[in-house]
């Protein structure tokens, strides 16, 4: 296989800060070690198919006028068999506003913020149990101080290309 045939994917993500991620990462390693190895706990802000005008998006990211994004998540929820995620239960409106700003459009698809603990495309892990998923409490509130442009080549782990920090706005 040549480099020309390796699929590259880009996305904008909000990484859970290291201090806040301790328990989430411990559970992710149990319920889906493959996903845990590929990418840290995060919320996807914009997917590959939305990043057509990346130069303009970069300009908007350098000029963020939003405070750091705070989202609250519910208890882990199963999806598509052995998939497992934390759904956002508070902060979705701010998330959607940020997406509209970054993509410079009011007509973008509605994307629900979530943190994937186990991805159904990965093999079912023996640690993917209800008791392991219950180690994360409902109502986890997380603040995301930065947006990351990340890239994945093939099935390699995602890597950070660029980081854009939210400004600290005065009240």
Protein backbone atom coordinates (compact mmCIF):
# COMPACT_ATOMS: atom_id res chain seq x y z
CA UNK A 1 0.00 0.00 0.00
CA UNK A 2 1.39 3.39 -0.96
CA UNK A 3 0.93 6.63 0.94
CA UNK A 4 -1.40 7.85 -1.81
CA UNK A 5 -3.94 5.16 -0.92
CA UNK A 6 -4.02 5.82 2.84
CA UNK A 7 -7.23 7.56 3.80
CA UNK A 8 -6.79 10.78 5.79
CA UNK A 9 -9.58 12.26 7.87
CA UNK A 10 -9.80 15.66 9.53
CA UNK A 11 -12.15 16.86 12.21
CA UNK A 12 -12.52 19.58 14.79
CA UNK A 13 -12.76 18.21 18.31
CA UNK A 14 -13.09 19.39 21.87
CA UNK A 15 -10.78 17.24 24.02
CA UNK A 16 -11.69 16.55 27.63
CA UNK A 17 -8.97 18.18 29.74
CA UNK A 18 -6.52 15.72 31.34
CA UNK A 19 -7.64 16.37 34.94
CA UNK A 20 -11.31 15.94 34.10
CA UNK A 21 -10.69 12.91 31.89
CA UNK A 22 -9.20 10.58 34.51
CA UNK A 23 -12.35 8.57 35.28
CA UNK A 24 -13.70 8.78 31.73
CA UNK A 25 -10.42 7.50 30.27
CA UNK A 26 -10.27 4.65 32.80
CA UNK A 27 -13.74 3.51 31.72
CA UNK A 28 -12.92 3.95 28.00
CA UNK A 29 -9.87 1.68 28.40
CA UNK A 30 -12.13 -1.01 29.89
CA UNK A 31 -15.11 -0.77 27.54
CA UNK A 32 -13.21 -0.14 24.27
CA UNK A 33 -9.40 -0.28 24.43
CA UNK A 34 -9.22 0.15 20.63
CA UNK A 35 -11.08 3.49 20.67
CA UNK A 36 -9.20 4.59 23.77
CA UNK A 37 -5.91 4.01 21.91
CA UNK A 38 -7.04 5.87 18.77
CA UNK A 39 -8.26 9.13 20.33
CA UNK A 40 -8.63 10.71 23.77
CA UNK A 41 -12.08 11.44 25.21
CA UNK A 42 -13.60 14.24 23.14
CA UNK A 43 -16.67 15.81 21.62
CA UNK A 44 -16.60 16.11 17.83
CA UNK A 45 -17.40 19.68 16.83
CA UNK A 46 -17.21 19.34 13.01
CA UNK A 47 -16.71 16.29 10.86
CA UNK A 48 -14.59 15.88 7.72
CA UNK A 49 -17.44 16.56 5.29
CA UNK A 50 -18.06 19.97 6.91
CA UNK A 51 -14.47 21.23 6.56
CA UNK A 52 -14.49 22.10 2.84
CA UNK A 53 -13.45 25.73 3.35
CA UNK A 54 -10.71 25.04 5.90
CA UNK A 55 -8.85 28.32 5.31
CA UNK A 56 -11.94 30.37 6.25
CA UNK A 57 -12.65 28.09 9.20
CA UNK A 58 -9.10 28.63 10.48
CA UNK A 59 -9.60 32.41 10.35
CA UNK A 60 -12.80 32.13 12.40
CA UNK A 61 -11.09 29.80 14.89
CA UNK A 62 -8.28 32.33 15.37
CA UNK A 63 -10.94 34.95 16.13
CA UNK A 64 -13.16 33.02 18.53
CA UNK A 65 -15.51 35.29 20.45
CA UNK A 66 -17.07 32.59 22.63
CA UNK A 67 -16.22 31.71 26.22
CA UNK A 68 -14.91 28.18 26.83
CA UNK A 69 -17.73 25.72 26.15
CA UNK A 70 -19.27 23.95 29.14
CA UNK A 71 -21.36 20.83 28.59
CA UNK A 72 -23.09 18.53 31.08
CA UNK A 73 -23.50 14.83 30.28
CA UNK A 74 -25.95 12.18 31.41
CA UNK A 75 -25.32 8.57 32.33
CA UNK A 76 -23.76 6.26 29.71
CA UNK A 77 -26.21 5.11 27.02
CA UNK A 78 -25.93 2.06 24.72
CA UNK A 79 -26.24 2.48 20.95
CA UNK A 80 -25.94 0.20 17.92
CA UNK A 81 -25.25 -2.96 19.90
CA UNK A 82 -22.15 -2.52 22.04
CA UNK A 83 -21.60 1.19 21.40
CA UNK A 84 -21.60 3.35 24.53
CA UNK A 85 -21.72 7.12 24.85
CA UNK A 86 -22.33 10.01 27.20
CA UNK A 87 -25.10 12.24 25.82
CA UNK A 88 -25.03 15.96 26.42
CA UNK A 89 -27.95 16.99 28.65
CA UNK A 90 -27.09 20.67 29.04
CA UNK A 91 -25.15 23.06 26.80
CA UNK A 92 -26.33 21.85 23.38
CA UNK A 93 -27.60 25.30 22.38
CA UNK A 94 -24.13 26.83 22.96
CA UNK A 95 -22.55 23.91 21.08
CA UNK A 96 -24.85 24.54 18.08
CA UNK A 97 -24.07 28.29 18.18
CA UNK A 98 -20.37 27.49 18.11
CA UNK A 99 -20.87 25.14 15.14
CA UNK A 100 -22.83 27.82 13.24
CA UNK A 101 -20.03 30.32 13.89
CA UNK A 102 -17.19 27.96 12.90
CA UNK A 103 -18.98 26.82 9.74
CA UNK A 104 -20.37 30.33 8.98
CA UNK A 105 -23.83 28.98 8.34
CA UNK A 106 -27.22 28.94 9.98
CA UNK A 107 -28.27 25.92 7.90
CA UNK A 108 -25.93 23.26 9.22
CA UNK A 109 -27.06 19.82 10.29
CA UNK A 110 -28.00 19.40 13.92
CA UNK A 111 -25.26 17.41 15.63
CA UNK A 112 -25.79 16.29 19.20
CA UNK A 113 -22.68 16.63 21.35
CA UNK A 114 -21.57 13.41 23.02
CA UNK A 115 -18.50 11.55 24.23
CA UNK A 116 -18.02 8.08 22.74
CA UNK A 117 -16.88 5.56 25.32
CA UNK A 118 -17.13 2.49 23.04
CA UNK A 119 -17.52 2.60 19.27
CA UNK A 120 -19.63 -0.18 17.70
CA UNK A 121 -17.22 -0.53 14.74
CA UNK A 122 -14.54 -1.81 17.14
CA UNK A 123 -14.60 -5.37 18.49
CA UNK A 124 -16.69 -5.96 21.60
CA UNK A 125 -14.37 -5.78 24.59
CA UNK A 126 -14.82 -8.17 27.53
CA UNK A 127 -14.75 -5.03 29.71
CA UNK A 128 -17.77 -3.53 27.94
CA UNK A 129 -20.18 -4.23 30.79
CA UNK A 130 -22.95 -2.29 32.48
CA UNK A 131 -21.04 -2.27 35.77
CA UNK A 132 -17.96 -0.73 34.13
CA UNK A 133 -20.00 1.93 32.36
CA UNK A 134 -21.72 2.87 35.63
CA UNK A 135 -18.36 4.07 36.97
CA UNK A 136 -19.15 7.39 35.29
CA UNK A 137 -21.75 9.39 37.17
CA UNK A 138 -24.62 11.16 35.50
CA UNK A 139 -24.29 14.93 35.51
CA UNK A 140 -20.59 15.16 34.67
CA UNK A 141 -19.93 18.79 33.73
CA UNK A 142 -16.93 19.52 31.55
CA UNK A 143 -15.46 22.76 30.28
CA UNK A 144 -13.57 22.69 26.99
CA UNK A 145 -10.96 25.49 26.77
CA UNK A 146 -9.74 24.67 23.24
CA UNK A 147 -10.75 23.40 19.83
CA UNK A 148 -8.37 21.03 18.06
CA UNK A 149 -7.96 20.36 14.37
CA UNK A 150 -7.00 16.69 14.29
CA UNK A 151 -6.09 14.18 11.61
CA UNK A 152 -6.17 10.42 11.30
CA UNK A 153 -4.32 8.44 8.63
CA UNK A 154 -5.84 5.04 7.99
CA UNK A 155 -6.43 3.38 11.37
CA UNK A 156 -3.54 5.17 13.10
CA UNK A 157 -4.23 7.19 16.24
CA UNK A 158 -5.54 10.70 15.69
CA UNK A 159 -2.95 13.46 15.99
CA UNK A 160 -3.32 17.13 16.78
CA UNK A 161 -2.49 19.49 13.90
CA UNK A 162 -3.61 22.79 15.42
CA UNK A 163 -5.06 24.13 18.66
CA UNK A 164 -7.35 27.14 19.03
CA UNK A 165 -8.00 28.44 22.54
CA UNK A 166 -11.21 30.13 23.56
CA UNK A 167 -10.57 33.65 24.85
CA UNK A 168 -11.11 34.38 28.51
CA UNK A 169 -13.92 36.92 28.27
CA UNK A 170 -14.46 39.54 30.97
CA UNK A 171 -17.90 39.55 32.57
